[in-house]
Amino acid sequence: MAKYKVQGIGKFVTNLITTTELSNKEILAKVKETFPEAQTSMSCIAWYQTNVRKNVKVPAPVVLTDEQFEEEFKV
């Protein structure tokens, strides 16, 4: 199994928050599915939600192809 950078989870969650209508619970499920060894909790997802709201100058969401996603989140 490939290892992932810890910061990759932050990018992943922020991307989901800014590009989808998923609930926090659904986002957490996607994180657990994509990063099975992650210790991410609902509190973490709530923190990312707050962080995105605080930073109103969020750049336009980036939608990655499957190949780009794999390359971006691999170590």
C-alpha atoms as a PDB file:
ATOM      1  CA  MET A   1       0.000   0.000   0.000  1.00  0.00           C
ATOM      2  CA  ALA A   2       1.271   3.462  -0.874  1.00  0.00           C
ATOM      3  CA  LYS A   3       2.063   5.893   1.916  1.00  0.00           C
ATOM      4  CA  TYR A   4       0.562   9.361   1.896  1.00  0.00           C
ATOM      5  CA  LYS A   5       1.838  12.702   3.117  1.00  0.00           C
ATOM      6  CA  VAL A   6      -0.042  14.043   6.116  1.00  0.00           C
ATOM      7  CA  GLN A   7      -0.569  17.366   4.370  1.00  0.00           C
ATOM      8  CA  GLY A   8      -2.300  15.435   1.577  1.00  0.00           C
ATOM      9  CA  ILE A   9      -5.285  14.886   3.852  1.00  0.00           C
ATOM     10  CA  GLY A  10      -5.670  18.627   4.356  1.00  0.00           C
ATOM     11  CA  LYS A  11      -5.617  19.281   0.629  1.00  0.00           C
ATOM     12  CA  PHE A  12      -8.018  16.397   0.076  1.00  0.00           C
ATOM     13  CA  VAL A  13     -10.502  17.616   2.685  1.00  0.00           C
ATOM     14  CA  THR A  14     -10.276  21.249   1.564  1.00  0.00           C
ATOM     15  CA  ASN A  15     -10.888  20.171  -2.017  1.00  0.00           C
ATOM     16  CA  LEU A  16     -13.985  18.198  -0.988  1.00  0.00           C
ATOM     17  CA  ILE A  17     -15.307  21.126   1.060  1.00  0.00           C
ATOM     18  CA  THR A  18     -14.882  23.615  -1.768  1.00  0.00           C
ATOM     19  CA  THR A  19     -16.009  21.422  -4.668  1.00  0.00           C
ATOM     20  CA  THR A  20     -18.832  19.283  -3.266  1.00  0.00           C
ATOM     21  CA  GLU A  21     -21.981  19.496  -1.187  1.00  0.00           C
ATOM     22  CA  LEU A  22     -20.948  16.582   1.040  1.00  0.00           C
ATOM     23  CA  SER A  23     -21.737  16.701   4.751  1.00  0.00           C
ATOM     24  CA  ASN A  24     -18.944  16.506   7.314  1.00  0.00           C
ATOM     25  CA  LYS A  25     -19.891  12.884   7.972  1.00  0.00           C
ATOM     26  CA  GLU A  26     -19.641  12.060   4.252  1.00  0.00           C
ATOM     27  CA  ILE A  27     -16.299  13.875   3.974  1.00  0.00           C
ATOM     28  CA  LEU A  28     -14.940  11.901   6.931  1.00  0.00           C
ATOM     29  CA  ALA A  29     -16.072   8.655   5.275  1.00  0.00           C
ATOM     30  CA  LYS A  30     -14.212   9.624   2.082  1.00  0.00           C
ATOM     31  CA  VAL A  31     -11.081  10.455   4.091  1.00  0.00           C
ATOM     32  CA  LYS A  32     -11.213   7.072   5.859  1.00  0.00           C
ATOM     33  CA  GLU A  33     -11.720   5.343   2.501  1.00  0.00           C
ATOM     34  CA  THR A  34      -8.849   7.193   0.792  1.00  0.00           C
ATOM     35  CA  PHE A  35      -6.477   7.331   3.769  1.00  0.00           C
ATOM     36  CA  PRO A  36      -7.308   4.172   5.779  1.00  0.00           C
ATOM     37  CA  GLU A  37      -4.558   4.744   8.329  1.00  0.00           C
ATOM     38  CA  ALA A  38      -5.557   8.355   9.004  1.00  0.00           C
ATOM     39  CA  GLN A  39      -6.637   9.346  12.485  1.00  0.00           C
ATOM     40  CA  THR A  40      -8.907  12.082  11.146  1.00  0.00           C
ATOM     41  CA  SER A  41     -12.013  12.753  13.253  1.00  0.00           C
ATOM     42  CA  MET A  42     -15.186  14.811  12.958  1.00  0.00           C
ATOM     43  CA  SER A  43     -13.378  17.532  14.908  1.00  0.00           C
ATOM     44  CA  CYS A  44     -10.708  17.661  12.210  1.00  0.00           C
ATOM     45  CA  ILE A  45     -13.289  18.009   9.456  1.00  0.00           C
ATOM     46  CA  ALA A  46     -15.038  20.781  11.421  1.00  0.00           C
ATOM     47  CA  TRP A  47     -11.679  22.553  11.793  1.00  0.00           C
ATOM     48  CA  TYR A  48     -11.126  22.426   8.016  1.00  0.00           C
ATOM     49  CA  GLN A  49     -14.671  23.755   7.445  1.00  0.00           C
ATOM     50  CA  THR A  50     -13.966  26.687   9.774  1.00  0.00           C
ATOM     51  CA  ASN A  51     -10.587  27.307   8.195  1.00  0.00           C
ATOM     52  CA  VAL A  52     -12.127  27.435   4.710  1.00  0.00           C
ATOM     53  CA  ARG A  53     -14.803  29.894   5.919  1.00  0.00           C
ATOM     54  CA  LYS A  54     -12.195  32.108   7.610  1.00  0.00           C
ATOM     55  CA  ASN A  55     -10.084  32.275   4.477  1.00  0.00           C
ATOM     56  CA  VAL A  56     -12.613  33.892   2.203  1.00  0.00           C
ATOM     57  CA  LYS A  57      -9.899  34.265  -0.427  1.00  0.00           C
ATOM     58  CA  VAL A  58      -9.995  30.543  -1.210  1.00  0.00           C
ATOM     59  CA  PRO A  59      -8.667  29.978  -4.726  1.00  0.00           C
ATOM     60  CA  ALA A  60     -10.941  28.449  -7.316  1.00  0.00           C
ATOM     61  CA  PRO A  61     -11.406  24.742  -6.612  1.00  0.00           C
ATOM     62  CA  VAL A  62      -9.129  22.429  -8.500  1.00  0.00           C
ATOM     63  CA  VAL A  63     -10.768  19.369  -9.941  1.00  0.00           C
ATOM     64  CA  LEU A  64      -8.155  16.684 -10.485  1.00  0.00           C
ATOM     65  CA  THR A  65      -8.285  13.840 -12.950  1.00  0.00           C
ATOM     66  CA  ASP A  66      -7.748  10.365 -11.508  1.00  0.00           C
ATOM     67  CA  GLU A  67      -4.149  10.402 -12.748  1.00  0.00           C
ATOM     68  CA  GLN A  68      -3.475  13.852 -11.247  1.00  0.00           C
ATOM     69  CA  PHE A  69      -5.044  12.783  -7.951  1.00  0.00           C
ATOM     70  CA  GLU A  70      -2.855   9.675  -7.737  1.00  0.00           C
ATOM     71  CA  GLU A  71       0.259  11.706  -8.523  1.00  0.00           C
ATOM     72  CA  GLU A  72      -0.621  14.517  -6.088  1.00  0.00           C
ATOM     73  CA  PHE A  73      -1.256  12.284  -3.084  1.00  0.00           C
ATOM     74  CA  LYS A  74       1.552   9.724  -3.484  1.00  0.00           C
ATOM     75  CA  VAL A  75       4.796  10.017  -1.557  1.00  0.00           C
END
